[in-house]
Amino acid sequence: MTTSKILDNTAISAFINEIRSIEMIEVCRNEYILVTTDCVQRETSERFSRETIDINYKNINVFRKTGDKKYDQALDYLVNRYPYLHEGELSAFLLALLDYELTGNPYFFITDDRKMREKICEIISSEVFLKIIGEAIHNYHFTGTIGLIKRLCQKGWFSEDDIKLIISDIKNSNFRISDKLIGELSGCSK
């Protein structure tokens, strides 16, 4: 069964804006099913042209979860509990949780939002949140754009030259990455 990658706004923006030398969404689509929410698409469309959105979203399945009672209650709780987290990240997090983790479908939530990543463990262990969800969460799979690139590299999707282009793009952008991660990325195609 193919693994789905649930993308939030930070990951999609990195693919569109920061990593320009490689068509990341196209590469990812060759290996995974790409998924996001209509909320993330709305947030992304506020930053990029209609043409850019149309080109990039043709390979991403966009789900509209509003109207699903459990989703709406959970999103309302999270937006109020964590007002510093964006609704797009929270909506993608919930999509991954409700439609993948709790149903046993293979997935990874992809986010580069540091605050979101730091709060995931707190959220999935919160008694109030678990009461809304209605069941325990045993595992939650998440990574960032660099983790996804490293995985694609391990699967043979990038050459050493591709990785050099990606690193160059990242270094010449606003994407924040540690020297340690740059080193790991450099070594993944060898």
N, C-alpha and C. Protein backbone atom coordinates (compact mmCIF):
# COMPACT_ATOMS: atom_id res chain seq x y z
N MET A 1 0.85 -1.18 0.00
CA MET A 1 0.00 0.00 0.00
C MET A 1 0.90 1.25 0.00
N THR A 2 0.59 2.21 -0.85
CA THR A 2 1.38 3.43 -0.98
C THR A 2 1.18 4.34 0.23
N THR A 3 2.28 4.89 0.71
CA THR A 3 2.23 5.81 1.84
C THR A 3 1.78 7.18 1.36
N SER A 4 0.90 7.79 2.12
CA SER A 4 0.47 9.16 1.83
C SER A 4 1.32 10.13 2.62
N LYS A 5 1.65 11.24 2.00
CA LYS A 5 2.36 12.32 2.67
C LYS A 5 1.36 13.46 2.80
N ILE A 6 1.01 13.79 4.04
CA ILE A 6 0.07 14.87 4.30
C ILE A 6 0.90 16.13 4.49
N LEU A 7 0.76 17.06 3.57
CA LEU A 7 1.59 18.26 3.52
C LEU A 7 0.88 19.45 4.15
N ASP A 8 1.61 20.20 4.95
CA ASP A 8 1.06 21.46 5.43
C ASP A 8 1.63 22.60 4.59
N ASN A 9 1.25 23.81 4.92
CA ASN A 9 1.65 24.98 4.14
C ASN A 9 3.17 25.16 4.10
N THR A 10 3.86 24.85 5.20
CA THR A 10 5.31 25.05 5.24
C THR A 10 6.02 24.13 4.25
N ALA A 11 5.57 22.90 4.14
CA ALA A 11 6.19 21.95 3.22
C ALA A 11 5.90 22.34 1.77
N ILE A 12 4.66 22.65 1.47
CA ILE A 12 4.30 23.03 0.11
C ILE A 12 5.04 24.31 -0.29
N SER A 13 5.11 25.27 0.62
CA SER A 13 5.83 26.51 0.32
C SER A 13 7.31 26.24 0.08
N ALA A 14 7.91 25.33 0.84
CA ALA A 14 9.32 24.99 0.62
C ALA A 14 9.50 24.37 -0.77
N PHE A 15 8.57 23.53 -1.18
CA PHE A 15 8.66 22.90 -2.50
C PHE A 15 8.50 23.92 -3.62
N ILE A 16 7.64 24.90 -3.41
CA ILE A 16 7.36 25.90 -4.45
C ILE A 16 8.39 27.02 -4.44
N ASN A 17 8.72 27.52 -3.28
CA ASN A 17 9.49 28.75 -3.17
C ASN A 17 10.98 28.56 -2.89
N GLU A 18 11.32 27.66 -2.00
CA GLU A 18 12.72 27.52 -1.60
C GLU A 18 13.50 26.57 -2.48
N ILE A 19 12.94 25.42 -2.79
CA ILE A 19 13.65 24.42 -3.59
C ILE A 19 13.15 24.54 -5.03
N ARG A 20 13.86 25.32 -5.80
CA ARG A 20 13.40 25.65 -7.15
C ARG A 20 14.08 24.84 -8.25
N SER A 21 15.22 24.24 -7.97
CA SER A 21 15.97 23.53 -9.00
C SER A 21 15.38 22.17 -9.33
N ILE A 22 14.62 21.62 -8.43
CA ILE A 22 14.03 20.29 -8.59
C ILE A 22 12.51 20.44 -8.44
N GLU A 23 11.77 19.77 -9.28
CA GLU A 23 10.30 19.76 -9.16
C GLU A 23 9.93 18.78 -8.05
N MET A 24 10.00 19.25 -6.81
CA MET A 24 9.82 18.37 -5.65
C MET A 24 8.45 17.72 -5.60
N ILE A 25 7.41 18.46 -5.91
CA ILE A 25 6.07 17.87 -5.85
C ILE A 25 5.95 16.75 -6.87
N GLU A 26 6.51 16.94 -8.04
CA GLU A 26 6.48 15.90 -9.07
C GLU A 26 7.27 14.67 -8.63
N VAL A 27 8.45 14.87 -8.05
CA VAL A 27 9.25 13.74 -7.56
C VAL A 27 8.50 13.00 -6.46
N CYS A 28 7.95 13.74 -5.51
CA CYS A 28 7.20 13.11 -4.41
C CYS A 28 6.01 12.31 -4.93
N ARG A 29 5.33 12.87 -5.93
CA ARG A 29 4.15 12.21 -6.48
C ARG A 29 4.51 10.88 -7.13
N ASN A 30 5.72 10.75 -7.62
CA ASN A 30 6.15 9.48 -8.21
C ASN A 30 6.27 8.36 -7.18
N GLU A 31 6.49 8.73 -5.93
CA GLU A 31 6.71 7.73 -4.88
C GLU A 31 5.54 7.64 -3.89
N TYR A 32 4.84 8.75 -3.68
CA TYR A 32 3.82 8.82 -2.63
C TYR A 32 2.52 9.44 -3.15
N ILE A 33 1.48 9.28 -2.37
CA ILE A 33 0.24 10.01 -2.60
C ILE A 33 0.36 11.29 -1.78
N LEU A 34 0.19 12.44 -2.42
CA LEU A 34 0.30 13.73 -1.73
C LEU A 34 -1.09 14.23 -1.39
N VAL A 35 -1.23 14.66 -0.13
CA VAL A 35 -2.54 15.04 0.39
C VAL A 35 -2.41 16.30 1.23
N THR A 36 -3.43 17.13 1.20
CA THR A 36 -3.51 18.28 2.10
C THR A 36 -4.97 18.64 2.31
N THR A 37 -5.19 19.74 3.02
CA THR A 37 -6.56 20.19 3.28
C THR A 37 -6.86 21.44 2.46
N ASP A 38 -8.14 21.74 2.34
CA ASP A 38 -8.54 22.97 1.65
C ASP A 38 -8.05 24.20 2.40
N CYS A 39 -7.90 24.10 3.70
CA CYS A 39 -7.38 25.21 4.50
C CYS A 39 -5.93 25.51 4.11
N VAL A 40 -5.13 24.48 3.95
CA VAL A 40 -3.74 24.66 3.53
C VAL A 40 -3.70 25.25 2.12
N GLN A 41 -4.53 24.76 1.25
CA GLN A 41 -4.57 25.29 -0.11
C GLN A 41 -4.94 26.77 -0.11
N ARG A 42 -5.88 27.14 0.72
CA ARG A 42 -6.29 28.55 0.85
C ARG A 42 -5.11 29.40 1.34
N GLU A 43 -4.41 28.92 2.37
CA GLU A 43 -3.25 29.65 2.90
C GLU A 43 -2.16 29.79 1.84
N THR A 44 -1.91 28.72 1.11
CA THR A 44 -0.87 28.75 0.08
C THR A 44 -1.26 29.71 -1.03
N SER A 45 -2.53 29.74 -1.40
CA SER A 45 -2.97 30.61 -2.49
C SER A 45 -2.89 32.09 -2.12
N GLU A 46 -2.77 32.39 -0.84
CA GLU A 46 -2.57 33.78 -0.41
C GLU A 46 -1.13 34.23 -0.65
N ARG A 47 -0.21 33.29 -0.80
CA ARG A 47 1.21 33.61 -0.98
C ARG A 47 1.71 33.52 -2.41
N PHE A 48 1.02 32.73 -3.23
CA PHE A 48 1.50 32.47 -4.58
C PHE A 48 0.43 32.78 -5.62
N SER A 49 0.87 32.95 -6.86
CA SER A 49 -0.05 33.28 -7.94
C SER A 49 -0.99 32.11 -8.24
N ARG A 50 -2.08 32.42 -8.86
CA ARG A 50 -3.07 31.41 -9.24
C ARG A 50 -2.42 30.34 -10.14
N GLU A 51 -1.58 30.79 -11.07
CA GLU A 51 -0.91 29.87 -11.98
C GLU A 51 -0.01 28.90 -11.21
N THR A 52 0.77 29.41 -10.25
CA THR A 52 1.65 28.56 -9.43
C THR A 52 0.83 27.55 -8.64
N ILE A 53 -0.28 27.99 -8.08
CA ILE A 53 -1.15 27.09 -7.31
C ILE A 53 -1.71 26.01 -8.22
N ASP A 54 -2.23 26.40 -9.38
CA ASP A 54 -2.81 25.43 -10.31
C ASP A 54 -1.79 24.38 -10.74
N ILE A 55 -0.58 24.81 -11.06
CA ILE A 55 0.47 23.88 -11.50
C ILE A 55 0.83 22.91 -10.38
N ASN A 56 1.03 23.42 -9.18
CA ASN A 56 1.52 22.58 -8.08
C ASN A 56 0.43 21.73 -7.44
N TYR A 57 -0.78 22.22 -7.39
CA TYR A 57 -1.85 21.46 -6.74
C TYR A 57 -2.48 20.40 -7.64
N LYS A 58 -2.08 20.34 -8.91
CA LYS A 58 -2.64 19.30 -9.77
C LYS A 58 -2.19 17.91 -9.31
N ASN A 59 -1.10 17.85 -8.55
CA ASN A 59 -0.56 16.58 -8.06
C ASN A 59 -0.81 16.34 -6.57
N ILE A 60 -1.65 17.18 -5.97
CA ILE A 60 -1.94 17.06 -4.54
C ILE A 60 -3.44 16.90 -4.35
N ASN A 61 -3.84 15.84 -3.65
CA ASN A 61 -5.25 15.64 -3.34
C ASN A 61 -5.64 16.58 -2.20
N VAL A 62 -6.66 17.39 -2.42
CA VAL A 62 -7.10 18.36 -1.41
C VAL A 62 -8.41 17.88 -0.81
N PHE A 63 -8.41 17.70 0.52
CA PHE A 63 -9.60 17.23 1.23
C PHE A 63 -10.26 18.39 1.97
N ARG A 64 -11.57 18.41 1.92
CA ARG A 64 -12.35 19.37 2.69
C ARG A 64 -12.96 18.61 3.86
N LYS A 65 -12.44 18.87 5.04
CA LYS A 65 -12.88 18.15 6.24
C LYS A 65 -13.97 18.89 7.02
N THR A 66 -14.15 20.18 6.73
CA THR A 66 -15.16 20.94 7.47
C THR A 66 -16.51 20.26 7.30
N GLY A 67 -17.24 20.20 8.39
CA GLY A 67 -18.53 19.52 8.38
C GLY A 67 -18.46 18.15 9.05
N ASP A 68 -17.26 17.61 9.19
CA ASP A 68 -17.04 16.38 9.93
C ASP A 68 -17.00 16.77 11.40
N LYS A 69 -17.95 16.28 12.18
CA LYS A 69 -18.13 16.73 13.56
C LYS A 69 -16.86 16.57 14.41
N LYS A 70 -16.24 15.42 14.36
CA LYS A 70 -15.03 15.19 15.16
C LYS A 70 -13.91 16.13 14.73
N TYR A 71 -13.74 16.29 13.42
CA TYR A 71 -12.72 17.18 12.88
C TYR A 71 -12.99 18.62 13.33
N ASP A 72 -14.23 19.08 13.17
CA ASP A 72 -14.57 20.46 13.54
C ASP A 72 -14.34 20.71 15.03
N GLN A 73 -14.74 19.77 15.89
CA GLN A 73 -14.53 19.93 17.33
C GLN A 73 -13.04 19.94 17.67
N ALA A 74 -12.30 19.04 17.08
CA ALA A 74 -10.86 18.96 17.35
C ALA A 74 -10.14 20.21 16.85
N LEU A 75 -10.49 20.68 15.66
CA LEU A 75 -9.85 21.88 15.12
C LEU A 75 -10.19 23.09 15.96
N ASP A 76 -11.43 23.21 16.37
CA ASP A 76 -11.84 24.34 17.21
C ASP A 76 -11.04 24.33 18.52
N TYR A 77 -10.91 23.16 19.14
CA TYR A 77 -10.14 23.04 20.37
C TYR A 77 -8.68 23.45 20.14
N LEU A 78 -8.06 22.92 19.09
CA LEU A 78 -6.65 23.19 18.84
C LEU A 78 -6.39 24.66 18.49
N VAL A 79 -7.26 25.26 17.71
CA VAL A 79 -7.10 26.67 17.34
C VAL A 79 -7.17 27.55 18.59
N ASN A 80 -8.08 27.22 19.50
CA ASN A 80 -8.20 28.00 20.74
C ASN A 80 -7.09 27.69 21.74
N ARG A 81 -6.68 26.45 21.82
CA ARG A 81 -5.65 26.04 22.77
C ARG A 81 -4.25 26.50 22.34
N TYR A 82 -4.03 26.50 21.03
CA TYR A 82 -2.71 26.86 20.48
C TYR A 82 -2.87 27.99 19.46
N PRO A 83 -3.20 29.19 19.91
CA PRO A 83 -3.48 30.29 18.98
C PRO A 83 -2.27 30.71 18.14
N TYR A 84 -1.08 30.32 18.53
CA TYR A 84 0.13 30.66 17.78
C TYR A 84 0.43 29.67 16.66
N LEU A 85 -0.34 28.58 16.57
CA LEU A 85 -0.20 27.64 15.46
C LEU A 85 -1.20 28.01 14.37
N HIS A 86 -0.79 27.89 13.13
CA HIS A 86 -1.66 28.25 12.02
C HIS A 86 -2.73 27.17 11.80
N GLU A 87 -3.88 27.62 11.37
CA GLU A 87 -4.98 26.69 11.12
C GLU A 87 -4.61 25.66 10.05
N GLY A 88 -3.81 26.08 9.06
CA GLY A 88 -3.40 25.13 8.02
C GLY A 88 -2.61 23.97 8.57
N GLU A 89 -1.63 24.25 9.42
CA GLU A 89 -0.84 23.17 10.02
C GLU A 89 -1.73 22.27 10.87
N LEU A 90 -2.62 22.90 11.64
CA LEU A 90 -3.52 22.12 12.50
C LEU A 90 -4.48 21.27 11.67
N SER A 91 -4.97 21.82 10.57
CA SER A 91 -5.91 21.05 9.73
C SER A 91 -5.21 19.85 9.09
N ALA A 92 -3.98 20.04 8.61
CA ALA A 92 -3.23 18.94 8.02
C ALA A 92 -2.87 17.89 9.09
N PHE A 93 -2.50 18.36 10.27
CA PHE A 93 -2.23 17.47 11.40
C PHE A 93 -3.45 16.58 11.68
N LEU A 94 -4.63 17.21 11.72
CA LEU A 94 -5.86 16.46 12.01
C LEU A 94 -6.22 15.50 10.88
N LEU A 95 -6.02 15.92 9.65
CA LEU A 95 -6.28 15.03 8.52
C LEU A 95 -5.43 13.77 8.67
N ALA A 96 -4.14 13.95 8.95
CA ALA A 96 -3.24 12.81 9.14
C ALA A 96 -3.70 11.93 10.30
N LEU A 97 -4.12 12.55 11.36
CA LEU A 97 -4.55 11.80 12.53
C LEU A 97 -5.85 11.04 12.29
N LEU A 98 -6.87 11.75 11.86
CA LEU A 98 -8.20 11.15 11.74
C LEU A 98 -8.35 10.21 10.55
N ASP A 99 -7.79 10.57 9.42
CA ASP A 99 -8.00 9.78 8.21
C ASP A 99 -6.90 8.77 7.93
N TYR A 100 -5.81 8.84 8.67
CA TYR A 100 -4.70 7.93 8.42
C TYR A 100 -4.28 7.18 9.68
N GLU A 101 -3.82 7.88 10.70
CA GLU A 101 -3.35 7.22 11.93
C GLU A 101 -4.45 6.35 12.54
N LEU A 102 -5.62 6.92 12.74
CA LEU A 102 -6.68 6.19 13.43
C LEU A 102 -7.37 5.15 12.56
N THR A 103 -7.11 5.18 11.27
CA THR A 103 -7.71 4.18 10.38
C THR A 103 -6.70 3.15 9.90
N GLY A 104 -5.42 3.33 10.30
CA GLY A 104 -4.39 2.37 9.94
C GLY A 104 -3.82 2.53 8.54
N ASN A 105 -4.10 3.65 7.88
CA ASN A 105 -3.55 3.90 6.56
C ASN A 105 -2.14 4.45 6.68
N PRO A 106 -1.19 3.98 5.86
CA PRO A 106 0.20 4.45 5.96
C PRO A 106 0.34 5.92 5.57
N TYR A 107 1.05 6.69 6.38
CA TYR A 107 1.16 8.13 6.16
C TYR A 107 2.38 8.70 6.87
N PHE A 108 2.70 9.94 6.53
CA PHE A 108 3.60 10.81 7.28
C PHE A 108 3.07 12.21 7.14
N PHE A 109 2.98 12.92 8.24
CA PHE A 109 2.62 14.34 8.24
C PHE A 109 3.92 15.10 8.03
N ILE A 110 3.95 15.98 7.02
CA ILE A 110 5.16 16.73 6.69
C ILE A 110 4.95 18.19 7.07
N THR A 111 5.73 18.66 8.04
CA THR A 111 5.66 20.05 8.47
C THR A 111 7.05 20.56 8.82
N ASP A 112 7.30 21.81 8.46
CA ASP A 112 8.54 22.45 8.85
C ASP A 112 8.30 23.52 9.92
N ASP A 113 7.08 23.61 10.40
CA ASP A 113 6.75 24.57 11.44
C ASP A 113 7.28 24.03 12.77
N ARG A 114 8.33 24.67 13.29
CA ARG A 114 8.98 24.21 14.52
C ARG A 114 8.00 24.13 15.69
N LYS A 115 7.17 25.15 15.84
CA LYS A 115 6.22 25.14 16.96
C LYS A 115 5.23 23.98 16.83
N MET A 116 4.78 23.72 15.62
CA MET A 116 3.85 22.60 15.40
C MET A 116 4.52 21.29 15.77
N ARG A 117 5.74 21.09 15.30
CA ARG A 117 6.45 19.84 15.59
C ARG A 117 6.68 19.66 17.09
N GLU A 118 6.99 20.77 17.78
CA GLU A 118 7.23 20.70 19.22
C GLU A 118 5.96 20.36 20.00
N LYS A 119 4.81 20.69 19.47
CA LYS A 119 3.54 20.50 20.20
C LYS A 119 2.84 19.18 19.89
N ILE A 120 3.28 18.45 18.88
CA ILE A 120 2.58 17.23 18.50
C ILE A 120 2.45 16.24 19.66
N CYS A 121 3.55 15.95 20.34
CA CYS A 121 3.49 14.99 21.45
C CYS A 121 2.56 15.47 22.56
N GLU A 122 2.60 16.77 22.84
CA GLU A 122 1.71 17.34 23.85
C GLU A 122 0.25 17.19 23.43
N ILE A 123 -0.04 17.48 22.18
CA ILE A 123 -1.41 17.40 21.69
C ILE A 123 -1.93 15.97 21.77
N ILE A 124 -1.17 15.00 21.26
CA ILE A 124 -1.68 13.63 21.19
C ILE A 124 -1.72 12.92 22.54
N SER A 125 -1.17 13.58 23.57
CA SER A 125 -1.27 13.00 24.92
C SER A 125 -2.21 13.80 25.82
N SER A 126 -2.81 14.84 25.30
CA SER A 126 -3.73 15.68 26.07
C SER A 126 -5.04 14.94 26.32
N GLU A 127 -5.43 14.85 27.59
CA GLU A 127 -6.68 14.17 27.94
C GLU A 127 -7.89 14.84 27.29
N VAL A 128 -7.89 16.16 27.26
CA VAL A 128 -9.00 16.89 26.65
C VAL A 128 -9.08 16.56 25.16
N PHE A 129 -7.95 16.59 24.48
CA PHE A 129 -7.92 16.29 23.05
C PHE A 129 -8.34 14.84 22.79
N LEU A 130 -7.83 13.92 23.59
CA LEU A 130 -8.18 12.51 23.41
C LEU A 130 -9.67 12.26 23.63
N LYS A 131 -10.27 13.03 24.52
CA LYS A 131 -11.71 12.91 24.74
C LYS A 131 -12.48 13.34 23.49
N ILE A 132 -12.00 14.38 22.83
CA ILE A 132 -12.64 14.85 21.59
C ILE A 132 -12.46 13.80 20.49
N ILE A 133 -11.26 13.27 20.36
CA ILE A 133 -10.96 12.29 19.32
C ILE A 133 -11.68 10.97 19.59
N GLY A 134 -11.78 10.61 20.86
CA GLY A 134 -12.52 9.41 21.22
C GLY A 134 -11.71 8.13 21.25
N GLU A 135 -10.42 8.23 21.05
CA GLU A 135 -9.57 7.04 21.16
C GLU A 135 -8.11 7.44 21.38
N ALA A 136 -7.37 6.49 21.91
CA ALA A 136 -5.95 6.73 22.18
C ALA A 136 -5.15 6.75 20.89
N ILE A 137 -4.09 7.51 20.90
CA ILE A 137 -3.20 7.60 19.76
C ILE A 137 -1.91 6.88 20.14
N HIS A 138 -1.61 5.83 19.43
CA HIS A 138 -0.46 5.01 19.80
C HIS A 138 0.83 5.47 19.14
N ASN A 139 0.70 6.05 17.98
CA ASN A 139 1.87 6.45 17.22
C ASN A 139 1.43 7.58 16.30
N TYR A 140 2.30 8.50 16.04
CA TYR A 140 1.98 9.57 15.09
C TYR A 140 3.24 9.83 14.29
N HIS A 141 3.14 9.69 12.97
CA HIS A 141 4.31 9.78 12.11
C HIS A 141 4.41 11.18 11.52
N PHE A 142 5.54 11.83 11.79
CA PHE A 142 5.76 13.15 11.20
C PHE A 142 7.24 13.38 10.97
N THR A 143 7.51 14.24 10.01
CA THR A 143 8.87 14.63 9.67
C THR A 143 8.78 15.99 8.99
N GLY A 144 9.92 16.47 8.53
CA GLY A 144 9.94 17.74 7.81
C GLY A 144 10.35 17.53 6.37
N THR A 145 10.47 18.62 5.66
CA THR A 145 10.86 18.57 4.25
C THR A 145 12.19 17.85 4.07
N ILE A 146 13.16 18.14 4.93
CA ILE A 146 14.48 17.51 4.80
C ILE A 146 14.38 16.00 5.05
N GLY A 147 13.59 15.59 6.02
CA GLY A 147 13.38 14.16 6.25
C GLY A 147 12.78 13.47 5.03
N LEU A 148 11.83 14.15 4.40
CA LEU A 148 11.21 13.60 3.19
C LEU A 148 12.23 13.52 2.05
N ILE A 149 13.03 14.54 1.88
CA ILE A 149 14.05 14.53 0.84
C ILE A 149 15.05 13.41 1.09
N LYS A 150 15.47 13.24 2.33
CA LYS A 150 16.41 12.16 2.66
C LYS A 150 15.81 10.80 2.33
N ARG A 151 14.54 10.62 2.62
CA ARG A 151 13.86 9.35 2.33
C ARG A 151 13.80 9.10 0.81
N LEU A 152 13.47 10.14 0.06
CA LEU A 152 13.43 10.02 -1.40
C LEU A 152 14.83 9.70 -1.95
N CYS A 153 15.83 10.30 -1.35
CA CYS A 153 17.22 10.05 -1.75
C CYS A 153 17.58 8.58 -1.51
N GLN A 154 17.19 8.05 -0.35
CA GLN A 154 17.46 6.65 -0.02
C GLN A 154 16.77 5.71 -1.01
N LYS A 155 15.65 6.15 -1.55
CA LYS A 155 14.91 5.34 -2.51
C LYS A 155 15.42 5.53 -3.94
N GLY A 156 16.46 6.36 -4.10
CA GLY A 156 17.10 6.51 -5.40
C GLY A 156 16.52 7.57 -6.31
N TRP A 157 15.74 8.48 -5.78
CA TRP A 157 15.11 9.50 -6.62
C TRP A 157 16.02 10.68 -6.93
N PHE A 158 17.10 10.84 -6.18
CA PHE A 158 18.00 11.97 -6.40
C PHE A 158 19.43 11.51 -6.61
N SER A 159 20.09 12.14 -7.56
CA SER A 159 21.51 11.91 -7.77
C SER A 159 22.29 12.83 -6.83
N GLU A 160 23.58 12.64 -6.80
CA GLU A 160 24.44 13.52 -6.00
C GLU A 160 24.31 14.97 -6.48
N ASP A 161 24.23 15.16 -7.81
CA ASP A 161 24.07 16.51 -8.36
C ASP A 161 22.73 17.13 -7.96
N ASP A 162 21.67 16.31 -7.93
CA ASP A 162 20.35 16.80 -7.50
C ASP A 162 20.43 17.31 -6.06
N ILE A 163 21.08 16.54 -5.20
CA ILE A 163 21.21 16.93 -3.79
C ILE A 163 22.00 18.23 -3.68
N LYS A 164 23.04 18.37 -4.48
CA LYS A 164 23.82 19.62 -4.47
C LYS A 164 22.93 20.81 -4.87
N LEU A 165 22.08 20.62 -5.87
CA LEU A 165 21.15 21.68 -6.28
C LEU A 165 20.16 22.02 -5.17
N ILE A 166 19.63 20.99 -4.52
CA ILE A 166 18.68 21.19 -3.41
C ILE A 166 19.36 21.97 -2.29
N ILE A 167 20.55 21.56 -1.91
CA ILE A 167 21.28 22.24 -0.83
C ILE A 167 21.56 23.69 -1.22
N SER A 168 21.96 23.92 -2.45
CA SER A 168 22.21 25.28 -2.92
C SER A 168 20.94 26.13 -2.83
N ASP A 169 19.82 25.56 -3.28
CA ASP A 169 18.54 26.27 -3.20
C ASP A 169 18.22 26.63 -1.75
N ILE A 170 18.39 25.67 -0.87
CA ILE A 170 18.06 25.89 0.55
C ILE A 170 18.96 26.96 1.15
N LYS A 171 20.25 26.88 0.87
CA LYS A 171 21.19 27.86 1.42
C LYS A 171 20.92 29.27 0.90
N ASN A 172 20.37 29.38 -0.30
CA ASN A 172 20.09 30.69 -0.90
C ASN A 172 18.65 31.13 -0.68
N SER A 173 17.98 30.53 0.30
CA SER A 173 16.58 30.87 0.58
C SER A 173 16.42 31.27 2.05
N ASN A 174 15.21 31.45 2.45
CA ASN A 174 14.89 31.76 3.85
C ASN A 174 14.65 30.51 4.67
N PHE A 175 14.80 29.35 4.08
CA PHE A 175 14.59 28.08 4.76
C PHE A 175 15.65 27.92 5.84
N ARG A 176 15.22 27.68 7.05
CA ARG A 176 16.16 27.52 8.17
C ARG A 176 16.53 26.06 8.31
N ILE A 177 17.83 25.82 8.28
CA ILE A 177 18.32 24.45 8.39
C ILE A 177 19.67 24.47 9.09
N SER A 178 19.88 23.51 9.95
CA SER A 178 21.15 23.43 10.68
C SER A 178 22.25 22.86 9.79
N ASP A 179 23.48 23.15 10.18
CA ASP A 179 24.63 22.59 9.46
C ASP A 179 24.62 21.06 9.54
N LYS A 180 24.15 20.55 10.67
CA LYS A 180 24.07 19.10 10.85
C LYS A 180 23.14 18.48 9.80
N LEU A 181 21.96 19.09 9.59
CA LEU A 181 21.03 18.57 8.59
C LEU A 181 21.58 18.71 7.17
N ILE A 182 22.28 19.82 6.92
CA ILE A 182 22.92 19.99 5.61
C ILE A 182 23.91 18.84 5.39
N GLY A 183 24.69 18.51 6.42
CA GLY A 183 25.64 17.41 6.32
C GLY A 183 24.95 16.08 6.06
N GLU A 184 23.85 15.83 6.75
CA GLU A 184 23.11 14.60 6.54
C GLU A 184 22.56 14.53 5.13
N LEU A 185 22.05 15.65 4.65
CA LEU A 185 21.51 15.72 3.29
C LEU A 185 22.62 15.50 2.27
N SER A 186 23.77 16.10 2.51
CA SER A 186 24.92 15.94 1.61
C SER A 186 25.32 14.47 1.48
N GLY A 187 25.26 13.75 2.56
CA GLY A 187 25.69 12.37 2.57
C GLY A 187 24.66 11.36 2.13
N CYS A 188 23.43 11.78 1.89
CA CYS A 188 22.38 10.78 1.62
C CYS A 188 22.45 10.19 0.23
N SER A 189 23.12 10.83 -0.72
CA SER A 189 23.14 10.27 -2.09
C SER A 189 24.38 9.47 -2.38
N LYS A 190 25.22 9.28 -1.40
CA LYS A 190 26.49 8.58 -1.62
C LYS A 190 26.37 7.10 -1.30
